[in-house]
Amino acid sequence: MAYTMGMFGVVHSDIFNRRMQKRLAAAGVFLMLAVWAATPLSPDRRINYEGLNEVPVVLFVSACLLFGAALLVWAAVKESNSYRKNERIVTNLLIVPVMLWIAANYIFYMFDIDLFEYNYIFAIAFALLFLLLGVKRGVLGIKIRIEMLKEDASSSVLKRGSNLLNHAVKNEVGNSWSTK
């Protein structure tokens, strides 16, 4: 998941060209495999958190999440188009806190501080923010699509009405010519 969120930052930020995005994706997969190989597992296939065995995982997860979050914030700051800037800010409000929360969970767990027990509070706050933004502005373009559908329906009704009016006018003109 951390790799995916990091790559979301790489792609969504529009900072890197397509070729560099592919290179970063390949480097991320390579690092993920290296971390997997360097992390000893316990017999029940979970990460063995004894000693410093968790360091490779925590470093990889934190680096991916923090890199992706930094790219998203940087892209929002540098955006010159006001509409896109607002959309980037909304996206950042939804994505960046989640990325930072997950990174904090991993980092604090290394120091025997378990933030996982507070995940429900974060999840409730995130769900409320998502609903608030969804109702007020739309989320990730969904409201825009609904407004476009409403506009298409309105224009369709207007076209049908004008066709009906055009037909009625032609009938009246035709009737007035035939009575003369």
Protein backbone atom coordinates (compact mmCIF):
# COMPACT_ATOMS: atom_id res chain seq x y z
CA MET A 1 0.00 0.00 0.00
CA ALA A 2 2.81 2.43 0.80
CA TYR A 3 4.31 1.89 -2.65
CA THR A 4 0.91 2.54 -4.25
CA MET A 5 0.40 5.75 -2.30
CA GLY A 6 3.92 6.90 -3.17
CA MET A 7 3.31 6.21 -6.84
CA PHE A 8 -0.01 8.07 -6.62
CA GLY A 9 2.02 11.10 -5.52
CA VAL A 10 4.45 10.61 -8.40
CA VAL A 11 1.74 10.33 -11.06
CA HIS A 12 -0.84 12.77 -9.70
CA SER A 13 1.69 15.52 -9.04
CA ASP A 14 2.58 15.85 -12.76
CA ILE A 15 6.13 16.75 -11.73
CA PHE A 16 7.81 13.86 -13.54
CA ASN A 17 7.55 12.95 -17.20
CA ARG A 18 6.29 9.51 -18.23
CA ARG A 19 9.79 8.05 -18.57
CA MET A 20 10.83 9.17 -15.10
CA GLN A 21 7.56 7.85 -13.65
CA LYS A 22 8.37 4.42 -15.09
CA ARG A 23 11.88 4.56 -13.65
CA LEU A 24 10.56 5.50 -10.21
CA ALA A 25 8.00 2.70 -10.42
CA ALA A 26 10.71 0.17 -11.26
CA ALA A 27 12.97 1.49 -8.49
CA GLY A 28 10.09 1.19 -6.02
CA VAL A 29 9.43 -2.43 -7.00
CA PHE A 30 13.14 -3.20 -6.68
CA LEU A 31 13.27 -1.59 -3.22
CA MET A 32 10.12 -3.42 -2.16
CA LEU A 33 11.67 -6.76 -3.12
CA ALA A 34 14.92 -5.83 -1.36
CA VAL A 35 13.01 -4.92 1.82
CA TRP A 36 11.03 -8.14 1.62
CA ALA A 37 14.27 -10.13 1.30
CA ALA A 38 15.93 -8.23 4.18
CA THR A 39 13.04 -8.56 6.62
CA PRO A 40 13.03 -11.75 8.70
CA LEU A 41 9.62 -13.27 9.22
CA SER A 42 8.35 -15.14 12.24
CA PRO A 43 6.93 -18.67 11.83
CA ASP A 44 3.40 -17.27 11.39
CA ARG A 45 4.60 -15.16 8.38
CA ARG A 46 4.44 -11.83 10.21
CA ILE A 47 7.24 -9.31 10.51
CA ASN A 48 9.56 -10.22 13.37
CA TYR A 49 9.76 -7.01 15.40
CA GLU A 50 12.53 -8.21 17.71
CA GLY A 51 15.69 -6.14 17.72
CA LEU A 52 15.88 -3.89 14.67
CA ASN A 53 14.29 -6.32 12.20
CA GLU A 54 11.50 -3.88 11.40
CA VAL A 55 13.81 -1.06 10.29
CA PRO A 56 13.82 -1.95 6.54
CA VAL A 57 10.02 -2.12 6.43
CA VAL A 58 9.55 1.07 8.42
CA LEU A 59 12.08 2.95 6.30
CA PHE A 60 10.52 1.77 3.03
CA VAL A 61 6.93 2.48 4.10
CA SER A 62 7.80 5.87 5.59
CA ALA A 63 9.92 6.90 2.60
CA CYS A 64 7.20 5.98 0.09
CA LEU A 65 4.43 7.72 2.02
CA LEU A 66 6.38 10.85 2.89
CA PHE A 67 7.77 11.15 -0.66
CA GLY A 68 4.27 10.83 -2.15
CA ALA A 69 2.79 13.32 0.34
CA ALA A 70 5.58 15.82 -0.31
CA LEU A 71 5.02 15.56 -4.09
CA LEU A 72 1.28 16.14 -3.71
CA VAL A 73 1.81 19.20 -1.51
CA TRP A 74 4.53 20.56 -3.82
CA ALA A 75 2.29 20.15 -6.87
CA ALA A 76 -0.54 22.04 -5.14
CA VAL A 77 1.79 24.88 -4.15
CA LYS A 78 3.27 25.18 -7.65
CA GLU A 79 -0.04 24.89 -9.56
CA SER A 80 -0.85 28.11 -11.44
CA ASN A 81 -4.34 27.21 -12.72
CA SER A 82 -6.75 28.23 -9.94
CA TYR A 83 -9.30 25.50 -10.68
CA ARG A 84 -6.64 22.76 -10.69
CA LYS A 85 -5.03 24.26 -7.59
CA ASN A 86 -8.34 23.98 -5.72
CA GLU A 87 -8.78 20.40 -6.89
CA ARG A 88 -5.23 19.55 -5.78
CA ILE A 89 -5.89 21.10 -2.37
CA VAL A 90 -9.04 19.02 -1.94
CA THR A 91 -7.17 15.89 -3.01
CA ASN A 92 -4.41 16.74 -0.54
CA LEU A 93 -6.96 17.21 2.25
CA LEU A 94 -8.16 13.67 1.59
CA ILE A 95 -4.91 11.85 0.83
CA VAL A 96 -2.01 13.52 2.67
CA PRO A 97 -3.36 13.10 6.23
CA VAL A 98 -3.93 9.40 5.55
CA MET A 99 -0.39 9.01 4.23
CA LEU A 100 1.09 10.83 7.23
CA TRP A 101 -1.05 8.84 9.69
CA ILE A 102 0.09 5.51 8.26
CA ALA A 103 3.74 6.61 8.29
CA ALA A 104 3.38 7.78 11.91
CA ASN A 105 1.84 4.41 12.84
CA TYR A 106 4.86 2.55 11.50
CA ILE A 107 7.44 4.94 12.95
CA PHE A 108 5.88 5.07 16.43
CA TYR A 109 5.40 1.29 16.50
CA MET A 110 9.18 0.94 16.26
CA PHE A 111 9.38 2.77 19.59
CA ASP A 112 6.68 0.60 21.20
CA ILE A 113 4.02 3.31 20.83
CA ASP A 114 0.92 1.73 19.35
CA LEU A 115 -1.15 4.28 17.42
CA PHE A 116 -3.20 1.52 15.77
CA GLU A 117 -5.63 1.61 18.69
CA TYR A 118 -6.59 5.16 17.64
CA ASN A 119 -7.27 4.28 14.01
CA TYR A 120 -11.03 4.33 14.55
CA ILE A 121 -10.88 8.02 15.59
CA PHE A 122 -8.86 8.85 12.50
CA ALA A 123 -11.21 6.79 10.30
CA ILE A 124 -14.29 8.59 11.65
CA ALA A 125 -12.68 12.01 11.16
CA PHE A 126 -11.61 11.05 7.64
CA ALA A 127 -15.10 9.76 6.76
CA LEU A 128 -16.67 13.01 8.01
CA LEU A 129 -14.21 15.09 5.99
CA PHE A 130 -14.88 12.94 2.91
CA LEU A 131 -18.66 13.37 3.30
CA LEU A 132 -18.35 17.11 3.95
CA LEU A 133 -16.21 17.66 0.88
CA GLY A 134 -18.38 15.30 -1.18
CA VAL A 135 -21.57 17.18 -0.38
CA LYS A 136 -20.10 20.67 -0.58
CA ARG A 137 -17.77 20.50 -3.58
CA GLY A 138 -17.75 17.01 -4.95
CA VAL A 139 -14.94 14.55 -4.49
CA LEU A 140 -12.45 13.71 -7.23
CA GLY A 141 -14.69 15.17 -9.93
CA ILE A 142 -17.89 13.28 -9.07
CA LYS A 143 -20.00 16.39 -8.48
CA ILE A 144 -18.82 17.86 -11.75
CA ARG A 145 -20.01 14.77 -13.60
CA ILE A 146 -23.43 15.00 -11.91
CA GLU A 147 -23.69 18.68 -12.87
CA MET A 148 -22.69 17.80 -16.45
CA LEU A 149 -25.43 15.14 -16.54
CA LYS A 150 -27.94 17.70 -15.25
CA GLU A 151 -26.79 20.13 -17.95
CA ASP A 152 -27.12 17.45 -20.63
CA ALA A 153 -30.64 16.64 -19.42
CA SER A 154 -31.56 20.34 -19.38
CA SER A 155 -30.27 20.88 -22.90
CA SER A 156 -32.12 17.77 -24.07
CA VAL A 157 -35.40 19.11 -22.63
CA LEU A 158 -34.71 22.51 -24.20
CA LYS A 159 -34.04 20.91 -27.62
CA ARG A 160 -37.25 18.88 -27.43
CA GLY A 161 -39.22 21.98 -26.41
CA SER A 162 -37.77 24.07 -29.22
CA ASN A 163 -38.48 21.27 -31.73
CA LEU A 164 -42.08 21.14 -30.53
CA LEU A 165 -42.40 24.94 -30.78
CA ASN A 166 -40.81 24.89 -34.25
CA HIS A 167 -43.28 22.20 -35.35
CA ALA A 168 -46.25 24.17 -33.95
CA VAL A 169 -45.12 27.38 -35.72
CA LYS A 170 -44.69 25.52 -39.02
CA ASN A 171 -48.20 24.05 -38.67
CA GLU A 172 -49.71 27.48 -38.00
CA VAL A 173 -47.84 29.04 -40.93
CA GLY A 174 -48.89 26.13 -43.15
CA ASN A 175 -52.52 26.45 -42.02
CA SER A 176 -52.54 30.21 -42.64
CA TRP A 177 -51.18 29.71 -46.19
CA SER A 178 -53.70 27.02 -46.99
CA THR A 179 -56.71 29.12 -45.92
CA LYS A 180 -55.77 31.97 -48.24
